[in-house]
PDB file of all heavy atoms in Angstrom:
ATOM      1  N   PRO A   1      -1.115   1.361 -12.570  1.00  0.00           N
ATOM      2  CA  PRO A   1      -0.999  -0.077 -12.312  1.00  0.00           C
ATOM      3  C   PRO A   1      -2.376  -0.726 -12.142  1.00  0.00           C
ATOM      4  O   PRO A   1      -3.270  -0.142 -11.551  1.00  0.00           O
ATOM      5  CB  PRO A   1      -0.221  -0.154 -10.992  1.00  0.00           C
ATOM      6  CG  PRO A   1       0.318   1.206 -10.739  1.00  0.00           C
ATOM      7  CD  PRO A   1      -0.508   2.170 -11.517  1.00  0.00           C
ATOM      8  N   ILE A   2      -2.514  -1.920 -12.684  1.00  0.00           N
ATOM      9  CA  ILE A   2      -3.724  -2.722 -12.491  1.00  0.00           C
ATOM     10  C   ILE A   2      -3.263  -4.060 -11.947  1.00  0.00           C
ATOM     11  O   ILE A   2      -2.393  -4.702 -12.534  1.00  0.00           O
ATOM     12  CB  ILE A   2      -4.505  -2.891 -13.800  1.00  0.00           C
ATOM     13  CG1 ILE A   2      -4.967  -1.516 -14.301  1.00  0.00           C
ATOM     14  CG2 ILE A   2      -5.689  -3.826 -13.604  1.00  0.00           C
ATOM     15  CD1 ILE A   2      -5.730  -1.541 -15.598  1.00  0.00           C
ATOM     16  N   LEU A   3      -3.808  -4.450 -10.798  1.00  0.00           N
ATOM     17  CA  LEU A   3      -3.343  -5.665 -10.152  1.00  0.00           C
ATOM     18  C   LEU A   3      -4.452  -6.357  -9.386  1.00  0.00           C
ATOM     19  O   LEU A   3      -5.498  -5.766  -9.128  1.00  0.00           O
ATOM     20  CB  LEU A   3      -2.172  -5.353  -9.225  1.00  0.00           C
ATOM     21  CG  LEU A   3      -2.444  -4.436  -8.025  1.00  0.00           C
ATOM     22  CD1 LEU A   3      -1.467  -4.771  -6.923  1.00  0.00           C
ATOM     23  CD2 LEU A   3      -2.282  -2.984  -8.408  1.00  0.00           C
ATOM     24  N   GLU A   4      -4.197  -7.594  -9.033  1.00  0.00           N
ATOM     25  CA  GLU A   4      -5.117  -8.368  -8.197  1.00  0.00           C
ATOM     26  C   GLU A   4      -4.894  -7.964  -6.743  1.00  0.00           C
ATOM     27  O   GLU A   4      -3.755  -7.701  -6.332  1.00  0.00           O
ATOM     28  CB  GLU A   4      -4.849  -9.865  -8.351  1.00  0.00           C
ATOM     29  CG  GLU A   4      -5.130 -10.427  -9.721  1.00  0.00           C
ATOM     30  CD  GLU A   4      -6.609 -10.624  -9.998  1.00  0.00           C
ATOM     31  OE1 GLU A   4      -7.377 -10.863  -9.044  1.00  0.00           O
ATOM     32  OE2 GLU A   4      -6.993 -10.528 -11.181  1.00  0.00           O
ATOM     33  N   ALA A   5      -5.955  -7.948  -5.957  1.00  0.00           N
ATOM     34  CA  ALA A   5      -5.830  -7.651  -4.532  1.00  0.00           C
ATOM     35  C   ALA A   5      -4.960  -8.709  -3.868  1.00  0.00           C
ATOM     36  O   ALA A   5      -5.078  -9.894  -4.157  1.00  0.00           O
ATOM     37  CB  ALA A   5      -7.206  -7.612  -3.875  1.00  0.00           C
ATOM     38  N   SER A   6      -4.071  -8.262  -2.992  1.00  0.00           N
ATOM     39  CA  SER A   6      -3.108  -9.159  -2.357  1.00  0.00           C
ATOM     40  C   SER A   6      -3.578  -9.704  -1.028  1.00  0.00           C
ATOM     41  O   SER A   6      -2.843 -10.406  -0.361  1.00  0.00           O
ATOM     42  CB  SER A   6      -1.800  -8.406  -2.117  1.00  0.00           C
ATOM     43  OG  SER A   6      -1.305  -7.895  -3.305  1.00  0.00           O
ATOM     44  N   GLY A   7      -4.752  -9.370  -0.629  1.00  0.00           N
ATOM     45  CA  GLY A   7      -5.214  -9.793   0.684  1.00  0.00           C
ATOM     46  C   GLY A   7      -5.145  -8.642   1.667  1.00  0.00           C
ATOM     47  O   GLY A   7      -6.129  -8.266   2.243  1.00  0.00           O
ATOM     48  N   SER A   8      -3.972  -8.045   1.814  1.00  0.00           N
ATOM     49  CA  SER A   8      -3.865  -6.924   2.748  1.00  0.00           C
ATOM     50  C   SER A   8      -3.718  -5.610   1.983  1.00  0.00           C
ATOM     51  O   SER A   8      -3.109  -5.553   0.907  1.00  0.00           O
ATOM     52  CB  SER A   8      -2.671  -7.114   3.691  1.00  0.00           C
ATOM     53  OG  SER A   8      -1.486  -6.622   3.142  1.00  0.00           O
ATOM     54  N   LEU A   9      -4.290  -4.577   2.547  1.00  0.00           N
ATOM     55  CA  LEU A   9      -4.216  -3.245   1.964  1.00  0.00           C
ATOM     56  C   LEU A   9      -2.769  -2.776   1.893  1.00  0.00           C
ATOM     57  O   LEU A   9      -2.341  -2.219   0.873  1.00  0.00           O
ATOM     58  CB  LEU A   9      -5.068  -2.273   2.786  1.00  0.00           C
ATOM     59  CG  LEU A   9      -5.022  -0.807   2.368  1.00  0.00           C
ATOM     60  CD1 LEU A   9      -5.464  -0.634   0.919  1.00  0.00           C
ATOM     61  CD2 LEU A   9      -5.905   0.017   3.293  1.00  0.00           C
ATOM     62  N   ILE A  10      -2.005  -3.014   2.940  1.00  0.00           N
ATOM     63  CA  ILE A  10      -0.605  -2.575   2.977  1.00  0.00           C
ATOM     64  C   ILE A  10       0.189  -3.238   1.853  1.00  0.00           C
ATOM     65  O   ILE A  10       0.914  -2.572   1.105  1.00  0.00           O
ATOM     66  CB  ILE A  10       0.025  -2.859   4.358  1.00  0.00           C
ATOM     67  CG1 ILE A  10      -0.601  -1.924   5.388  1.00  0.00           C
ATOM     68  CG2 ILE A  10       1.530  -2.706   4.315  1.00  0.00           C
ATOM     69  CD1 ILE A  10      -0.186  -2.180   6.810  1.00  0.00           C
ATOM     70  N   LYS A  11       0.028  -4.535   1.704  1.00  0.00           N
ATOM     71  CA  LYS A  11       0.748  -5.260   0.657  1.00  0.00           C
ATOM     72  C   LYS A  11       0.345  -4.759  -0.731  1.00  0.00           C
ATOM     73  O   LYS A  11       1.176  -4.605  -1.621  1.00  0.00           O
ATOM     74  CB  LYS A  11       0.480  -6.761   0.795  1.00  0.00           C
ATOM     75  CG  LYS A  11       1.316  -7.622  -0.107  1.00  0.00           C
ATOM     76  CD  LYS A  11       1.092  -9.096   0.192  1.00  0.00           C
ATOM     77  CE  LYS A  11       1.918  -9.962  -0.738  1.00  0.00           C
ATOM     78  NZ  LYS A  11       1.635 -11.379  -0.552  1.00  0.00           N
ATOM     79  N   THR A  12      -0.941  -4.480  -0.922  1.00  0.00           N
ATOM     80  CA  THR A  12      -1.424  -3.979  -2.208  1.00  0.00           C
ATOM     81  C   THR A  12      -0.854  -2.596  -2.507  1.00  0.00           C
ATOM     82  O   THR A  12      -0.482  -2.307  -3.649  1.00  0.00           O
ATOM     83  CB  THR A  12      -2.966  -3.955  -2.233  1.00  0.00           C
ATOM     84  OG1 THR A  12      -3.457  -5.266  -1.940  1.00  0.00           O
ATOM     85  CG2 THR A  12      -3.484  -3.512  -3.588  1.00  0.00           C
ATOM     86  N   LEU A  13      -0.751  -1.741  -1.492  1.00  0.00           N
ATOM     87  CA  LEU A  13      -0.144  -0.413  -1.689  1.00  0.00           C
ATOM     88  C   LEU A  13       1.304  -0.541  -2.154  1.00  0.00           C
ATOM     89  O   LEU A  13       1.744   0.177  -3.051  1.00  0.00           O
ATOM     90  CB  LEU A  13      -0.215   0.412  -0.398  1.00  0.00           C
ATOM     91  CG  LEU A  13      -1.543   1.076  -0.097  1.00  0.00           C
ATOM     92  CD1 LEU A  13      -1.598   1.530   1.354  1.00  0.00           C
ATOM     93  CD2 LEU A  13      -1.787   2.245  -1.036  1.00  0.00           C
ATOM     94  N   VAL A  14       2.038  -1.460  -1.564  1.00  0.00           N
ATOM     95  CA  VAL A  14       3.448  -1.656  -1.933  1.00  0.00           C
ATOM     96  C   VAL A  14       3.542  -2.268  -3.328  1.00  0.00           C
ATOM     97  O   VAL A  14       4.325  -1.799  -4.164  1.00  0.00           O
ATOM     98  CB  VAL A  14       4.183  -2.519  -0.882  1.00  0.00           C
ATOM     99  CG1 VAL A  14       5.589  -2.846  -1.342  1.00  0.00           C
ATOM    100  CG2 VAL A  14       4.219  -1.791   0.467  1.00  0.00           C
ATOM    101  N   GLU A  15       2.745  -3.306  -3.614  1.00  0.00           N
ATOM    102  CA  GLU A  15       2.793  -3.971  -4.921  1.00  0.00           C
ATOM    103  C   GLU A  15       2.398  -3.036  -6.063  1.00  0.00           C
ATOM    104  O   GLU A  15       2.860  -3.192  -7.184  1.00  0.00           O
ATOM    105  CB  GLU A  15       1.902  -5.207  -4.930  1.00  0.00           C
ATOM    106  CG  GLU A  15       2.490  -6.353  -4.136  1.00  0.00           C
ATOM    107  CD  GLU A  15       1.594  -7.582  -4.116  1.00  0.00           C
ATOM    108  OE1 GLU A  15       0.495  -7.552  -4.726  1.00  0.00           O
ATOM    109  OE2 GLU A  15       1.998  -8.568  -3.489  1.00  0.00           O
ATOM    110  N   SER A  16       1.556  -2.060  -5.771  1.00  0.00           N
ATOM    111  CA  SER A  16       1.121  -1.117  -6.801  1.00  0.00           C
ATOM    112  C   SER A  16       2.072   0.076  -6.936  1.00  0.00           C
ATOM    113  O   SER A  16       1.850   0.951  -7.761  1.00  0.00           O
ATOM    114  CB  SER A  16      -0.281  -0.602  -6.472  1.00  0.00           C
ATOM    115  OG  SER A  16      -0.247   0.152  -5.275  1.00  0.00           O
ATOM    116  N   ASN A  17       3.119   0.100  -6.108  1.00  0.00           N
ATOM    117  CA  ASN A  17       4.092   1.199  -6.070  1.00  0.00           C
ATOM    118  C   ASN A  17       3.490   2.514  -5.587  1.00  0.00           C
ATOM    119  O   ASN A  17       4.038   3.581  -5.848  1.00  0.00           O
ATOM    120  CB  ASN A  17       4.776   1.399  -7.429  1.00  0.00           C
ATOM    121  CG  ASN A  17       5.667   0.238  -7.776  1.00  0.00           C
ATOM    122  OD1 ASN A  17       6.356  -0.298  -6.928  1.00  0.00           O
ATOM    123  ND2 ASN A  17       5.634  -0.168  -9.026  1.00  0.00           N
ATOM    124  N   LEU A  18       2.364   2.442  -4.878  1.00  0.00           N
ATOM    125  CA  LEU A  18       1.817   3.635  -4.241  1.00  0.00           C
ATOM    126  C   LEU A  18       2.508   3.901  -2.909  1.00  0.00           C
ATOM    127  O   LEU A  18       2.375   4.976  -2.338  1.00  0.00           O
ATOM    128  CB  LEU A  18       0.307   3.499  -4.050  1.00  0.00           C
ATOM    129  CG  LEU A  18      -0.520   3.420  -5.337  1.00  0.00           C
ATOM    130  CD1 LEU A  18      -2.001   3.285  -5.014  1.00  0.00           C
ATOM    131  CD2 LEU A  18      -0.268   4.614  -6.231  1.00  0.00           C
ATOM    132  N   ALA A  19       3.248   2.918  -2.432  1.00  0.00           N
ATOM    133  CA  ALA A  19       4.093   3.054  -1.241  1.00  0.00           C
ATOM    134  C   ALA A  19       5.344   2.221  -1.497  1.00  0.00           C
ATOM    135  O   ALA A  19       5.286   1.180  -2.151  1.00  0.00           O
ATOM    136  CB  ALA A  19       3.364   2.560   0.004  1.00  0.00           C
ATOM    137  N   SER A  20       6.464   2.697  -0.970  1.00  0.00           N
ATOM    138  CA  SER A  20       7.723   1.992  -1.228  1.00  0.00           C
ATOM    139  C   SER A  20       8.014   0.891  -0.208  1.00  0.00           C
ATOM    140  O   SER A  20       8.880   0.054  -0.440  1.00  0.00           O
ATOM    141  CB  SER A  20       8.881   2.997  -1.261  1.00  0.00           C
ATOM    142  OG  SER A  20       8.977   3.659  -0.022  1.00  0.00           O
ATOM    143  N   SER A  21       7.299   0.893   0.923  1.00  0.00           N
ATOM    144  CA  SER A  21       7.524  -0.112   1.958  1.00  0.00           C
ATOM    145  C   SER A  21       6.253  -0.280   2.791  1.00  0.00           C
ATOM    146  O   SER A  21       5.347   0.550   2.723  1.00  0.00           O
ATOM    147  CB  SER A  21       8.678   0.315   2.870  1.00  0.00           C
ATOM    148  OG  SER A  21       8.314   1.477   3.599  1.00  0.00           O
ATOM    149  N   ASN A  22       6.225  -1.337   3.587  1.00  0.00           N
ATOM    150  CA  ASN A  22       5.080  -1.553   4.482  1.00  0.00           C
ATOM    151  C   ASN A  22       4.925  -0.406   5.469  1.00  0.00           C
ATOM    152  O   ASN A  22       3.812   0.034   5.751  1.00  0.00           O
ATOM    153  CB  ASN A  22       5.242  -2.874   5.246  1.00  0.00           C
ATOM    154  CG  ASN A  22       5.092  -4.082   4.347  1.00  0.00           C
ATOM    155  OD1 ASN A  22       4.705  -3.973   3.190  1.00  0.00           O
ATOM    156  ND2 ASN A  22       5.409  -5.249   4.883  1.00  0.00           N
ATOM    157  N   SER A  23       6.054   0.094   6.000  1.00  0.00           N
ATOM    158  CA  SER A  23       5.962   1.181   6.977  1.00  0.00           C
ATOM    159  C   SER A  23       5.467   2.469   6.315  1.00  0.00           C
ATOM    160  O   SER A  23       4.685   3.212   6.912  1.00  0.00           O
ATOM    161  CB  SER A  23       7.310   1.408   7.671  1.00  0.00           C
ATOM    162  OG  SER A  23       8.314   1.744   6.746  1.00  0.00           O
ATOM    163  N   GLU A  24       5.892   2.724   5.075  1.00  0.00           N
ATOM    164  CA  GLU A  24       5.393   3.911   4.379  1.00  0.00           C
ATOM    165  C   GLU A  24       3.893   3.761   4.099  1.00  0.00           C
ATOM    166  O   GLU A  24       3.131   4.719   4.262  1.00  0.00           O
ATOM    167  CB  GLU A  24       6.152   4.137   3.071  1.00  0.00           C
ATOM    168  CG  GLU A  24       5.750   5.430   2.385  1.00  0.00           C
ATOM    169  CD  GLU A  24       6.545   5.722   1.129  1.00  0.00           C
ATOM    170  OE1 GLU A  24       6.542   4.881   0.205  1.00  0.00           O
ATOM    171  OE2 GLU A  24       7.164   6.804   1.084  1.00  0.00           O
ATOM    172  N   ALA A  25       3.463   2.574   3.702  1.00  0.00           N
ATOM    173  CA  ALA A  25       2.042   2.327   3.461  1.00  0.00           C
ATOM    174  C   ALA A  25       1.229   2.562   4.737  1.00  0.00           C
ATOM    175  O   ALA A  25       0.177   3.210   4.704  1.00  0.00           O
ATOM    176  CB  ALA A  25       1.838   0.905   2.957  1.00  0.00           C
ATOM    177  N   THR A  26       1.725   2.066   5.859  1.00  0.00           N
ATOM    178  CA  THR A  26       1.055   2.262   7.142  1.00  0.00           C
ATOM    179  C   THR A  26       0.960   3.746   7.488  1.00  0.00           C
ATOM    180  O   THR A  26      -0.078   4.223   7.953  1.00  0.00           O
ATOM    181  CB  THR A  26       1.794   1.491   8.260  1.00  0.00           C
ATOM    182  OG1 THR A  26       1.866   0.107   7.884  1.00  0.00           O
ATOM    183  CG2 THR A  26       1.090   1.626   9.597  1.00  0.00           C
ATOM    184  N   ARG A  27       2.038   4.479   7.229  1.00  0.00           N
ATOM    185  CA  ARG A  27       2.053   5.922   7.499  1.00  0.00           C
ATOM    186  C   ARG A  27       1.039   6.644   6.613  1.00  0.00           C
ATOM    187  O   ARG A  27       0.277   7.500   7.083  1.00  0.00           O
ATOM    188  CB  ARG A  27       3.459   6.495   7.291  1.00  0.00           C
ATOM    189  CG  ARG A  27       3.570   7.974   7.648  1.00  0.00           C
ATOM    190  CD  ARG A  27       5.015   8.478   7.658  1.00  0.00           C
ATOM    191  NE  ARG A  27       5.790   8.098   6.493  1.00  0.00           N
ATOM    192  CZ  ARG A  27       5.819   8.776   5.336  1.00  0.00           C
ATOM    193  NH1 ARG A  27       5.097   9.858   5.194  1.00  0.00           N
ATOM    194  NH2 ARG A  27       6.570   8.358   4.341  1.00  0.00           N
ATOM    195  N   PHE A  28       0.986   6.315   5.328  1.00  0.00           N
ATOM    196  CA  PHE A  28       0.016   6.945   4.425  1.00  0.00           C
ATOM    197  C   PHE A  28      -1.409   6.711   4.909  1.00  0.00           C
ATOM    198  O   PHE A  28      -2.247   7.610   4.886  1.00  0.00           O
ATOM    199  CB  PHE A  28       0.161   6.413   2.995  1.00  0.00           C
ATOM    200  CG  PHE A  28       1.392   6.888   2.262  1.00  0.00           C
ATOM    201  CD1 PHE A  28       1.985   6.073   1.311  1.00  0.00           C
ATOM    202  CD2 PHE A  28       1.947   8.133   2.497  1.00  0.00           C
ATOM    203  CE1 PHE A  28       3.103   6.496   0.608  1.00  0.00           C
ATOM    204  CE2 PHE A  28       3.076   8.569   1.804  1.00  0.00           C
ATOM    205  CZ  PHE A  28       3.647   7.743   0.857  1.00  0.00           C
ATOM    206  N   ILE A  29      -1.683   5.484   5.355  1.00  0.00           N
ATOM    207  CA  ILE A  29      -3.020   5.155   5.846  1.00  0.00           C
ATOM    208  C   ILE A  29      -3.338   5.961   7.105  1.00  0.00           C
ATOM    209  O   ILE A  29      -4.403   6.559   7.223  1.00  0.00           O
ATOM    210  CB  ILE A  29      -3.151   3.639   6.110  1.00  0.00           C
ATOM    211  CG1 ILE A  29      -3.093   2.878   4.788  1.00  0.00           C
ATOM    212  CG2 ILE A  29      -4.437   3.325   6.873  1.00  0.00           C
ATOM    213  CD1 ILE A  29      -2.906   1.378   4.926  1.00  0.00           C
ATOM    214  N   SER A  30      -2.390   6.023   8.045  1.00  0.00           N
ATOM    215  CA  SER A  30      -2.641   6.755   9.301  1.00  0.00           C
ATOM    216  C   SER A  30      -2.769   8.260   9.072  1.00  0.00           C
ATOM    217  O   SER A  30      -3.468   8.938   9.814  1.00  0.00           O
ATOM    218  CB  SER A  30      -1.542   6.455  10.329  1.00  0.00           C
ATOM    219  OG  SER A  30      -0.314   7.000   9.918  1.00  0.00           O
ATOM    220  N   GLU A  31      -2.126   8.772   8.030  1.00  0.00           N
ATOM    221  CA  GLU A  31      -2.233  10.204   7.705  1.00  0.00           C
ATOM    222  C   GLU A  31      -3.516  10.534   6.945  1.00  0.00           C
ATOM    223  O   GLU A  31      -3.820  11.698   6.695  1.00  0.00           O
ATOM    224  CB  GLU A  31      -1.032  10.648   6.863  1.00  0.00           C
ATOM    225  CG  GLU A  31       0.272  10.651   7.618  1.00  0.00           C
ATOM    226  CD  GLU A  31       1.483  10.900   6.713  1.00  0.00           C
ATOM    227  OE1 GLU A  31       1.325  10.876   5.461  1.00  0.00           O
ATOM    228  OE2 GLU A  31       2.572  11.107   7.255  1.00  0.00           O
ATOM    229  N   GLY A  32      -4.251   9.509   6.532  1.00  0.00           N
ATOM    230  CA  GLY A  32      -5.502   9.730   5.815  1.00  0.00           C
ATOM    231  C   GLY A  32      -5.329  10.040   4.342  1.00  0.00           C
ATOM    232  O   GLY A  32      -6.218  10.636   3.730  1.00  0.00           O
ATOM    233  N   SER A  33      -4.205   9.647   3.769  1.00  0.00           N
ATOM    234  CA  SER A  33      -3.977   9.971   2.353  1.00  0.00           C
ATOM    235  C   SER A  33      -4.294   8.816   1.409  1.00  0.00           C
ATOM    236  O   SER A  33      -3.975   8.880   0.229  1.00  0.00           O
ATOM    237  CB  SER A  33      -2.536  10.443   2.147  1.00  0.00           C
ATOM    238  OG  SER A  33      -1.620   9.425   2.463  1.00  0.00           O
TER     239      SER A  33
END
């Protein structure tokens, strides 16, 4: 995926389909992945 930055890292992770939800994105970040 190639996309414009959404402002927040969490939102960008979800929009790029690297995370399925905000909570999953937050978990990935806290796990260091």
